[in-house]
């Protein structure tokens, strides 16, 4: 399947094989046509993948990173050969993910995970910041709940929907932040974690909340150092050194433009009520 997408203002030609994780969602991002300035992400299936004869620049466990001029390769090995291979040009304009069909893993899931991972690299290259968060809109307020696993992100998202059923989940796990007209926006994408909850919406962000499970509910504004450390822990870190500058630039703009808080919470609907009242009264 080949589809032409516009995600957070980024034009992507996406070629994929399985609908398991994209069904009912990806078509919202499809456009009839776009300019020649686009990124291509292609997923191929092969029953045998050969190791490229390229210079090895890094070895880590069962992975090899290779480079040949502006062409890059990430090869994951297994005892009997190549498990999968990712090829990309240094500007991420051309990306190919090759999956070995002899793997016992679920190919649809690998396709979803790897294509999402490479989309995040494309997003960073386009001056966006992919973050590990749940992005929610309700009553003209758009906010992000950020936090690692078991921080209460999914629980608070579910409880917010339960308390305010007309809420819109822009992206349940991996939204994208970007700046437009001196304002920080959040956008959905077809890549949104295992639950695949997302909408093709871009809205200005009002708040960022870093979740911290405690025995009592409290809200405190973070200083700039804490904001940077918290964002770095919860954003997609680029795989290429050249992309670090883009990440740093948008990260600094997010810190400068947004109200960012640490939200000490408890596993209760009372936390959601507190959160809503806090945003309403600001």
C-alpha atoms as a PDB file:
ATOM      1  CA  UNK A   1       0.000   0.000   0.000  1.00  0.00           C
ATOM      2  CA  UNK A   2       1.246   3.472  -0.866  1.00  0.00           C
ATOM      3  CA  UNK A   3      -0.281   6.544   0.745  1.00  0.00           C
ATOM      4  CA  UNK A   4       0.619  10.205   0.604  1.00  0.00           C
ATOM      5  CA  UNK A   5       0.334  11.770   4.031  1.00  0.00           C
ATOM      6  CA  UNK A   6       0.592  15.186   5.602  1.00  0.00           C
ATOM      7  CA  UNK A   7       1.462  14.853   9.296  1.00  0.00           C
ATOM      8  CA  UNK A   8       2.143  17.980  11.358  1.00  0.00           C
ATOM      9  CA  UNK A   9       2.785  19.816   8.097  1.00  0.00           C
ATOM     10  CA  UNK A  10       5.297  17.177   6.935  1.00  0.00           C
ATOM     11  CA  UNK A  11       4.725  15.519   3.549  1.00  0.00           C
ATOM     12  CA  UNK A  12       5.393  11.774   3.575  1.00  0.00           C
ATOM     13  CA  UNK A  13       5.140   9.104   0.928  1.00  0.00           C
ATOM     14  CA  UNK A  14       4.498   5.988   3.019  1.00  0.00           C
ATOM     15  CA  UNK A  15       4.654   2.472   1.611  1.00  0.00           C
ATOM     16  CA  UNK A  16       3.613  -0.256   4.032  1.00  0.00           C
ATOM     17  CA  UNK A  17       2.225  -3.790   4.144  1.00  0.00           C
ATOM     18  CA  UNK A  18      -0.131  -4.296   7.084  1.00  0.00           C
ATOM     19  CA  UNK A  19      -3.278  -2.527   8.248  1.00  0.00           C
ATOM     20  CA  UNK A  20      -3.250  -3.936  11.792  1.00  0.00           C
ATOM     21  CA  UNK A  21      -2.147  -0.668  13.431  1.00  0.00           C
ATOM     22  CA  UNK A  22      -3.120   1.837  10.738  1.00  0.00           C
ATOM     23  CA  UNK A  23      -6.680   0.759   9.943  1.00  0.00           C
ATOM     24  CA  UNK A  24      -9.341   3.435  10.548  1.00  0.00           C
ATOM     25  CA  UNK A  25      -6.687   6.049  11.399  1.00  0.00           C
ATOM     26  CA  UNK A  26      -4.181   6.587   8.618  1.00  0.00           C
ATOM     27  CA  UNK A  27      -6.695   7.767   6.014  1.00  0.00           C
ATOM     28  CA  UNK A  28      -7.344  10.904   8.067  1.00  0.00           C
ATOM     29  CA  UNK A  29      -3.806  12.035   7.139  1.00  0.00           C
ATOM     30  CA  UNK A  30      -4.043  11.212   3.419  1.00  0.00           C
ATOM     31  CA  UNK A  31      -3.773  14.066   0.927  1.00  0.00           C
ATOM     32  CA  UNK A  32      -4.507  13.963  -2.789  1.00  0.00           C
ATOM     33  CA  UNK A  33      -1.251  15.596  -3.786  1.00  0.00           C
ATOM     34  CA  UNK A  34       1.657  17.557  -2.432  1.00  0.00           C
ATOM     35  CA  UNK A  35       4.827  19.268  -3.633  1.00  0.00           C
ATOM     36  CA  UNK A  36       8.069  17.583  -4.617  1.00  0.00           C
ATOM     37  CA  UNK A  37       9.438  18.324  -1.139  1.00  0.00           C
ATOM     38  CA  UNK A  38       8.575  15.126   0.719  1.00  0.00           C
ATOM     39  CA  UNK A  39      10.057  12.304   2.768  1.00  0.00           C
ATOM     40  CA  UNK A  40       9.717   8.686   1.713  1.00  0.00           C
ATOM     41  CA  UNK A  41       9.324   5.853   4.210  1.00  0.00           C
ATOM     42  CA  UNK A  42       9.136   2.400   2.647  1.00  0.00           C
ATOM     43  CA  UNK A  43       8.749  -0.942   4.431  1.00  0.00           C
ATOM     44  CA  UNK A  44       9.886  -4.021   2.485  1.00  0.00           C
ATOM     45  CA  UNK A  45       9.597  -7.722   3.302  1.00  0.00           C
ATOM     46  CA  UNK A  46      12.333 -10.202   2.353  1.00  0.00           C
ATOM     47  CA  UNK A  47      13.066 -13.783   3.299  1.00  0.00           C
ATOM     48  CA  UNK A  48      16.800 -13.112   3.140  1.00  0.00           C
ATOM     49  CA  UNK A  49      18.656  -9.876   3.905  1.00  0.00           C
ATOM     50  CA  UNK A  50      22.341  -9.512   3.114  1.00  0.00           C
ATOM     51  CA  UNK A  51      24.742  -7.496   5.239  1.00  0.00           C
ATOM     52  CA  UNK A  52      25.778  -4.368   3.302  1.00  0.00           C
ATOM     53  CA  UNK A  53      29.464  -4.155   2.401  1.00  0.00           C
ATOM     54  CA  UNK A  54      29.863  -0.776   4.064  1.00  0.00           C
ATOM     55  CA  UNK A  55      32.116   0.730   6.709  1.00  0.00           C
ATOM     56  CA  UNK A  56      31.047  -0.193  10.244  1.00  0.00           C
ATOM     57  CA  UNK A  57      30.994   2.940  12.413  1.00  0.00           C
ATOM     58  CA  UNK A  58      29.404   1.476  15.550  1.00  0.00           C
ATOM     59  CA  UNK A  59      28.780  -1.909  17.156  1.00  0.00           C
ATOM     60  CA  UNK A  60      26.284  -2.301  19.995  1.00  0.00           C
ATOM     61  CA  UNK A  61      25.179  -5.746  21.153  1.00  0.00           C
ATOM     62  CA  UNK A  62      23.618  -7.343  18.055  1.00  0.00           C
ATOM     63  CA  UNK A  63      23.437  -4.109  16.044  1.00  0.00           C
ATOM     64  CA  UNK A  64      25.762  -2.649  13.479  1.00  0.00           C
ATOM     65  CA  UNK A  65      25.714   0.900  12.196  1.00  0.00           C
ATOM     66  CA  UNK A  66      27.286   1.433   8.781  1.00  0.00           C
ATOM     67  CA  UNK A  67      27.900   4.477   6.650  1.00  0.00           C
ATOM     68  CA  UNK A  68      28.817   5.214   3.059  1.00  0.00           C
ATOM     69  CA  UNK A  69      28.919   8.944   2.432  1.00  0.00           C
ATOM     70  CA  UNK A  70      25.379  10.247   3.038  1.00  0.00           C
ATOM     71  CA  UNK A  71      23.906   6.735   3.180  1.00  0.00           C
ATOM     72  CA  UNK A  72      23.351   5.065   6.540  1.00  0.00           C
ATOM     73  CA  UNK A  73      22.470   1.517   7.588  1.00  0.00           C
ATOM     74  CA  UNK A  74      21.366   0.020  10.881  1.00  0.00           C
ATOM     75  CA  UNK A  75      21.599  -3.765  10.797  1.00  0.00           C
ATOM     76  CA  UNK A  76      20.213  -5.998  13.535  1.00  0.00           C
ATOM     77  CA  UNK A  77      21.795  -9.419  13.503  1.00  0.00           C
ATOM     78  CA  UNK A  78      20.706 -12.830  14.724  1.00  0.00           C
ATOM     79  CA  UNK A  79      22.768 -16.070  14.751  1.00  0.00           C
ATOM     80  CA  UNK A  80      21.433 -17.169  11.366  1.00  0.00           C
ATOM     81  CA  UNK A  81      21.755 -13.801   9.611  1.00  0.00           C
ATOM     82  CA  UNK A  82      20.177 -10.354   9.389  1.00  0.00           C
ATOM     83  CA  UNK A  83      17.030  -9.849  11.464  1.00  0.00           C
ATOM     84  CA  UNK A  84      16.118  -6.497   9.953  1.00  0.00           C
ATOM     85  CA  UNK A  85      17.796  -3.558   8.253  1.00  0.00           C
ATOM     86  CA  UNK A  86      17.050   0.157   8.165  1.00  0.00           C
ATOM     87  CA  UNK A  87      18.506   2.297   5.382  1.00  0.00           C
ATOM     88  CA  UNK A  88      18.286   6.088   5.336  1.00  0.00           C
ATOM     89  CA  UNK A  89      19.977   9.069   3.771  1.00  0.00           C
ATOM     90  CA  UNK A  90      21.474  11.619   6.152  1.00  0.00           C
ATOM     91  CA  UNK A  91      18.656  14.101   5.431  1.00  0.00           C
ATOM     92  CA  UNK A  92      16.061  11.320   6.047  1.00  0.00           C
ATOM     93  CA  UNK A  93      14.462  12.059   2.684  1.00  0.00           C
ATOM     94  CA  UNK A  94      14.740   8.388   1.722  1.00  0.00           C
ATOM     95  CA  UNK A  95      14.138   5.640   4.264  1.00  0.00           C
ATOM     96  CA  UNK A  96      13.707   1.928   3.714  1.00  0.00           C
ATOM     97  CA  UNK A  97      12.939  -0.560   6.470  1.00  0.00           C
ATOM     98  CA  UNK A  98      13.570  -4.189   5.453  1.00  0.00           C
ATOM     99  CA  UNK A  99      12.032  -6.903   7.627  1.00  0.00           C
ATOM    100  CA  UNK A 100      13.030 -10.554   7.479  1.00  0.00           C
ATOM    101  CA  UNK A 101       9.883 -12.616   6.921  1.00  0.00           C
ATOM    102  CA  UNK A 102      11.498 -15.587   8.662  1.00  0.00           C
ATOM    103  CA  UNK A 103      11.381 -13.785  12.007  1.00  0.00           C
ATOM    104  CA  UNK A 104       9.007 -15.206  14.572  1.00  0.00           C
ATOM    105  CA  UNK A 105       8.020 -11.707  15.695  1.00  0.00           C
ATOM    106  CA  UNK A 106       4.836 -10.109  14.484  1.00  0.00           C
ATOM    107  CA  UNK A 107       5.775  -8.306  11.286  1.00  0.00           C
ATOM    108  CA  UNK A 108       2.864  -5.867  11.495  1.00  0.00           C
ATOM    109  CA  UNK A 109       4.029  -4.709  14.920  1.00  0.00           C
ATOM    110  CA  UNK A 110       7.633  -4.362  13.771  1.00  0.00           C
ATOM    111  CA  UNK A 111       6.473  -2.361  10.764  1.00  0.00           C
ATOM    112  CA  UNK A 112       4.477  -0.026  13.004  1.00  0.00           C
ATOM    113  CA  UNK A 113       7.264   0.448  15.554  1.00  0.00           C
ATOM    114  CA  UNK A 114      10.110   0.979  13.081  1.00  0.00           C
ATOM    115  CA  UNK A 115       8.173   3.233  10.708  1.00  0.00           C
ATOM    116  CA  UNK A 116       7.129   5.290  13.729  1.00  0.00           C
ATOM    117  CA  UNK A 117      10.705   5.483  14.957  1.00  0.00           C
ATOM    118  CA  UNK A 118      11.868   6.754  11.564  1.00  0.00           C
ATOM    119  CA  UNK A 119       8.954   9.195  11.332  1.00  0.00           C
ATOM    120  CA  UNK A 120      10.179  10.711  14.607  1.00  0.00           C
ATOM    121  CA  UNK A 121      13.602  11.210  13.003  1.00  0.00           C
ATOM    122  CA  UNK A 122      11.885  12.879  10.047  1.00  0.00           C
ATOM    123  CA  UNK A 123       9.919  15.072  12.468  1.00  0.00           C
ATOM    124  CA  UNK A 124      13.094  16.189  14.250  1.00  0.00           C
ATOM    125  CA  UNK A 125      14.675  16.928  10.878  1.00  0.00           C
ATOM    126  CA  UNK A 126      11.608  19.138  10.214  1.00  0.00           C
ATOM    127  CA  UNK A 127      12.083  21.089  13.468  1.00  0.00           C
ATOM    128  CA  UNK A 128       9.442  19.181  15.422  1.00  0.00           C
ATOM    129  CA  UNK A 129       9.765  17.542  18.828  1.00  0.00           C
ATOM    130  CA  UNK A 130       8.150  14.091  19.285  1.00  0.00           C
ATOM    131  CA  UNK A 131       7.344  13.530  22.959  1.00  0.00           C
ATOM    132  CA  UNK A 132       6.174  10.594  25.085  1.00  0.00           C
ATOM    133  CA  UNK A 133       2.878  12.054  26.253  1.00  0.00           C
ATOM    134  CA  UNK A 134      -0.862  12.032  26.007  1.00  0.00           C
ATOM    135  CA  UNK A 135      -2.204  15.135  24.236  1.00  0.00           C
ATOM    136  CA  UNK A 136      -5.761  16.071  25.163  1.00  0.00           C
ATOM    137  CA  UNK A 137      -8.153  18.851  24.174  1.00  0.00           C
ATOM    138  CA  UNK A 138     -11.234  19.787  26.179  1.00  0.00           C
ATOM    139  CA  UNK A 139     -13.234  22.976  26.606  1.00  0.00           C
ATOM    140  CA  UNK A 140     -10.771  25.093  24.566  1.00  0.00           C
ATOM    141  CA  UNK A 141      -7.830  23.847  26.604  1.00  0.00           C
ATOM    142  CA  UNK A 142      -5.080  21.725  25.070  1.00  0.00           C
ATOM    143  CA  UNK A 143      -2.607  20.066  27.401  1.00  0.00           C
ATOM    144  CA  UNK A 144      -0.053  17.279  27.523  1.00  0.00           C
ATOM    145  CA  UNK A 145       0.446  14.702  30.245  1.00  0.00           C
ATOM    146  CA  UNK A 146       4.055  13.533  30.154  1.00  0.00           C
ATOM    147  CA  UNK A 147       5.747  10.797  32.076  1.00  0.00           C
ATOM    148  CA  UNK A 148       7.514   7.449  31.851  1.00  0.00           C
ATOM    149  CA  UNK A 149       5.759   4.113  32.161  1.00  0.00           C
ATOM    150  CA  UNK A 150       3.741   3.706  35.383  1.00  0.00           C
ATOM    151  CA  UNK A 151       3.672   7.459  36.023  1.00  0.00           C
ATOM    152  CA  UNK A 152      -0.130   7.520  35.684  1.00  0.00           C
ATOM    153  CA  UNK A 153      -0.346   8.906  32.142  1.00  0.00           C
ATOM    154  CA  UNK A 154      -2.760   6.286  30.799  1.00  0.00           C
ATOM    155  CA  UNK A 155      -4.780   6.263  34.018  1.00  0.00           C
ATOM    156  CA  UNK A 156      -5.228  10.034  33.972  1.00  0.00           C
ATOM    157  CA  UNK A 157      -6.082  10.014  30.275  1.00  0.00           C
ATOM    158  CA  UNK A 158      -8.752   7.354  30.858  1.00  0.00           C
ATOM    159  CA  UNK A 159     -10.108   9.179  33.921  1.00  0.00           C
ATOM    160  CA  UNK A 160     -10.229  12.492  32.056  1.00  0.00           C
ATOM    161  CA  UNK A 161     -12.257  10.858  29.299  1.00  0.00           C
ATOM    162  CA  UNK A 162     -14.511   9.266  31.888  1.00  0.00           C
ATOM    163  CA  UNK A 163     -15.141  12.597  33.615  1.00  0.00           C
ATOM    164  CA  UNK A 164     -15.278  14.646  30.382  1.00  0.00           C
ATOM    165  CA  UNK A 165     -16.503  12.304  27.597  1.00  0.00           C
ATOM    166  CA  UNK A 166     -16.352  14.989  24.906  1.00  0.00           C
ATOM    167  CA  UNK A 167     -12.572  15.281  25.295  1.00  0.00           C
ATOM    168  CA  UNK A 168     -10.473  14.734  22.188  1.00  0.00           C
ATOM    169  CA  UNK A 169      -7.334  12.620  22.398  1.00  0.00           C
ATOM    170  CA  UNK A 170      -5.028  14.195  19.820  1.00  0.00           C
ATOM    171  CA  UNK A 171      -2.418  11.510  20.362  1.00  0.00           C
ATOM    172  CA  UNK A 172      -2.431   9.022  23.212  1.00  0.00           C
ATOM    173  CA  UNK A 173       1.280   8.283  23.388  1.00  0.00           C
ATOM    174  CA  UNK A 174       3.556  10.108  20.945  1.00  0.00           C
ATOM    175  CA  UNK A 175       2.340  13.551  19.834  1.00  0.00           C
ATOM    176  CA  UNK A 176       4.552  16.022  17.982  1.00  0.00           C
ATOM    177  CA  UNK A 177       5.294  19.583  19.119  1.00  0.00           C
ATOM    178  CA  UNK A 178       6.216  22.324  16.671  1.00  0.00           C
ATOM    179  CA  UNK A 179       6.276  26.110  16.476  1.00  0.00           C
ATOM    180  CA  UNK A 180       4.136  28.138  14.093  1.00  0.00           C
ATOM    181  CA  UNK A 181       3.501  31.888  14.175  1.00  0.00           C
ATOM    182  CA  UNK A 182       5.407  32.197  17.455  1.00  0.00           C
ATOM    183  CA  UNK A 183       3.103  29.625  19.087  1.00  0.00           C
ATOM    184  CA  UNK A 184       3.766  26.028  20.166  1.00  0.00           C
ATOM    185  CA  UNK A 185       1.357  23.536  18.585  1.00  0.00           C
ATOM    186  CA  UNK A 186       0.749  19.842  19.175  1.00  0.00           C
ATOM    187  CA  UNK A 187      -0.202  17.496  16.349  1.00  0.00           C
ATOM    188  CA  UNK A 188      -1.449  13.958  16.087  1.00  0.00           C
ATOM    189  CA  UNK A 189       0.127  11.348  13.835  1.00  0.00           C
ATOM    190  CA  UNK A 190      -0.685   7.783  12.724  1.00  0.00           C
ATOM    191  CA  UNK A 191       1.969   6.600  15.198  1.00  0.00           C
ATOM    192  CA  UNK A 192       0.518   6.755  18.699  1.00  0.00           C
ATOM    193  CA  UNK A 193       1.577   3.777  20.776  1.00  0.00           C
ATOM    194  CA  UNK A 194       0.033   0.358  21.208  1.00  0.00           C
ATOM    195  CA  UNK A 195      -3.525   1.679  21.631  1.00  0.00           C
ATOM    196  CA  UNK A 196      -3.373   3.618  18.328  1.00  0.00           C
ATOM    197  CA  UNK A 197      -5.480   6.543  19.552  1.00  0.00           C
ATOM    198  CA  UNK A 198      -4.895   9.672  17.452  1.00  0.00           C
ATOM    199  CA  UNK A 199      -6.598  12.375  15.436  1.00  0.00           C
ATOM    200  CA  UNK A 200      -5.330  14.496  12.551  1.00  0.00           C
ATOM    201  CA  UNK A 201      -5.525  17.703  14.568  1.00  0.00           C
ATOM    202  CA  UNK A 202      -3.025  20.488  15.275  1.00  0.00           C
ATOM    203  CA  UNK A 203      -3.830  22.854  18.147  1.00  0.00           C
ATOM    204  CA  UNK A 204      -1.960  25.471  20.207  1.00  0.00           C
ATOM    205  CA  UNK A 205      -0.728  24.045  23.502  1.00  0.00           C
ATOM    206  CA  UNK A 206      -1.790  25.647  26.782  1.00  0.00           C
ATOM    207  CA  UNK A 207      -0.020  23.476  29.377  1.00  0.00           C
ATOM    208  CA  UNK A 208       2.536  20.729  29.851  1.00  0.00           C
ATOM    209  CA  UNK A 209       2.202  18.581  32.979  1.00  0.00           C
ATOM    210  CA  UNK A 210       4.893  16.163  34.109  1.00  0.00           C
ATOM    211  CA  UNK A 211       3.223  13.459  36.160  1.00  0.00           C
ATOM    212  CA  UNK A 212       4.675  12.396  39.475  1.00  0.00           C
ATOM    213  CA  UNK A 213       2.838   9.849  41.613  1.00  0.00           C
ATOM    214  CA  UNK A 214       2.619  10.906  45.264  1.00  0.00           C
ATOM    215  CA  UNK A 215       0.411  10.396  48.315  1.00  0.00           C
ATOM    216  CA  UNK A 216      -1.224  13.813  47.902  1.00  0.00           C
ATOM    217  CA  UNK A 217      -2.165  16.126  45.023  1.00  0.00           C
ATOM    218  CA  UNK A 218      -0.075  19.199  44.304  1.00  0.00           C
ATOM    219  CA  UNK A 219       0.950  21.399  41.397  1.00  0.00           C
ATOM    220  CA  UNK A 220       4.213  23.302  41.152  1.00  0.00           C
ATOM    221  CA  UNK A 221       5.832  25.255  38.357  1.00  0.00           C
ATOM    222  CA  UNK A 222       9.255  23.974  37.358  1.00  0.00           C
ATOM    223  CA  UNK A 223      12.413  26.024  37.011  1.00  0.00           C
ATOM    224  CA  UNK A 224      14.151  26.046  33.616  1.00  0.00           C
ATOM    225  CA  UNK A 225      16.713  23.386  34.543  1.00  0.00           C
ATOM    226  CA  UNK A 226      13.989  20.998  35.731  1.00  0.00           C
ATOM    227  CA  UNK A 227      11.957  21.699  32.595  1.00  0.00           C
ATOM    228  CA  UNK A 228      14.918  20.789  30.368  1.00  0.00           C
ATOM    229  CA  UNK A 229      15.712  17.601  32.277  1.00  0.00           C
ATOM    230  CA  UNK A 230      12.069  16.506  32.312  1.00  0.00           C
ATOM    231  CA  UNK A 231      11.586  17.160  28.612  1.00  0.00           C
ATOM    232  CA  UNK A 232      14.790  15.336  27.698  1.00  0.00           C
ATOM    233  CA  UNK A 233      13.567  12.294  29.614  1.00  0.00           C
ATOM    234  CA  UNK A 234      10.269  12.343  27.726  1.00  0.00           C
ATOM    235  CA  UNK A 235      11.179  13.268  24.154  1.00  0.00           C
ATOM    236  CA  UNK A 236      12.451  11.192  21.262  1.00  0.00           C
ATOM    237  CA  UNK A 237      16.223  11.578  21.258  1.00  0.00           C
ATOM    238  CA  UNK A 238      17.648  11.779  17.737  1.00  0.00           C
ATOM    239  CA  UNK A 239      19.820   9.029  16.359  1.00  0.00           C
ATOM    240  CA  UNK A 240      22.063  11.403  14.420  1.00  0.00           C
ATOM    241  CA  UNK A 241      24.377  14.058  15.875  1.00  0.00           C
ATOM    242  CA  UNK A 242      23.329  16.572  13.209  1.00  0.00           C
ATOM    243  CA  UNK A 243      19.721  16.378  14.455  1.00  0.00           C
ATOM    244  CA  UNK A 244      20.609  17.369  18.031  1.00  0.00           C
ATOM    245  CA  UNK A 245      20.643  21.065  17.113  1.00  0.00           C
ATOM    246  CA  UNK A 246      17.052  20.885  15.859  1.00  0.00           C
ATOM    247  CA  UNK A 247      15.958  19.111  19.041  1.00  0.00           C
ATOM    248  CA  UNK A 248      17.709  21.680  21.226  1.00  0.00           C
ATOM    249  CA  UNK A 249      16.162  24.600  19.353  1.00  0.00           C
ATOM    250  CA  UNK A 250      12.549  23.440  19.571  1.00  0.00           C
ATOM    251  CA  UNK A 251      13.048  22.239  23.149  1.00  0.00           C
ATOM    252  CA  UNK A 252      14.238  25.721  24.148  1.00  0.00           C
ATOM    253  CA  UNK A 253      11.255  27.310  22.414  1.00  0.00           C
ATOM    254  CA  UNK A 254       8.855  24.968  24.221  1.00  0.00           C
ATOM    255  CA  UNK A 255      10.384  25.936  27.568  1.00  0.00           C
ATOM    256  CA  UNK A 256      10.227  29.618  26.692  1.00  0.00           C
ATOM    257  CA  UNK A 257       6.649  29.613  25.409  1.00  0.00           C
ATOM    258  CA  UNK A 258       4.676  27.172  27.582  1.00  0.00           C
ATOM    259  CA  UNK A 259       3.470  26.899  31.143  1.00  0.00           C
ATOM    260  CA  UNK A 260       5.144  23.739  32.438  1.00  0.00           C
ATOM    261  CA  UNK A 261       4.350  22.107  35.772  1.00  0.00           C
ATOM    262  CA  UNK A 262       5.060  19.069  37.870  1.00  0.00           C
ATOM    263  CA  UNK A 263       1.744  17.482  38.746  1.00  0.00           C
ATOM    264  CA  UNK A 264       1.958  15.405  41.910  1.00  0.00           C
ATOM    265  CA  UNK A 265      -1.020  13.073  41.616  1.00  0.00           C
ATOM    266  CA  UNK A 266      -2.777  10.118  43.162  1.00  0.00           C
ATOM    267  CA  UNK A 267      -4.493   7.212  41.438  1.00  0.00           C
ATOM    268  CA  UNK A 268      -7.961   8.712  41.713  1.00  0.00           C
ATOM    269  CA  UNK A 269     -10.554  10.660  39.758  1.00  0.00           C
ATOM    270  CA  UNK A 270      -9.868  13.455  42.271  1.00  0.00           C
ATOM    271  CA  UNK A 271      -6.569  14.120  40.491  1.00  0.00           C
ATOM    272  CA  UNK A 272      -8.426  14.785  37.236  1.00  0.00           C
ATOM    273  CA  UNK A 273     -10.853  17.131  38.974  1.00  0.00           C
ATOM    274  CA  UNK A 274      -7.917  18.993  40.493  1.00  0.00           C
ATOM    275  CA  UNK A 275      -6.222  19.213  37.077  1.00  0.00           C
ATOM    276  CA  UNK A 276      -9.317  20.585  35.377  1.00  0.00           C
ATOM    277  CA  UNK A 277      -9.922  23.157  38.088  1.00  0.00           C
ATOM    278  CA  UNK A 278      -6.294  24.240  37.926  1.00  0.00           C
ATOM    279  CA  UNK A 279      -6.446  24.872  34.157  1.00  0.00           C
ATOM    280  CA  UNK A 280      -9.844  26.565  34.364  1.00  0.00           C
ATOM    281  CA  UNK A 281      -8.701  28.996  37.041  1.00  0.00           C
ATOM    282  CA  UNK A 282      -5.402  29.948  35.455  1.00  0.00           C
END
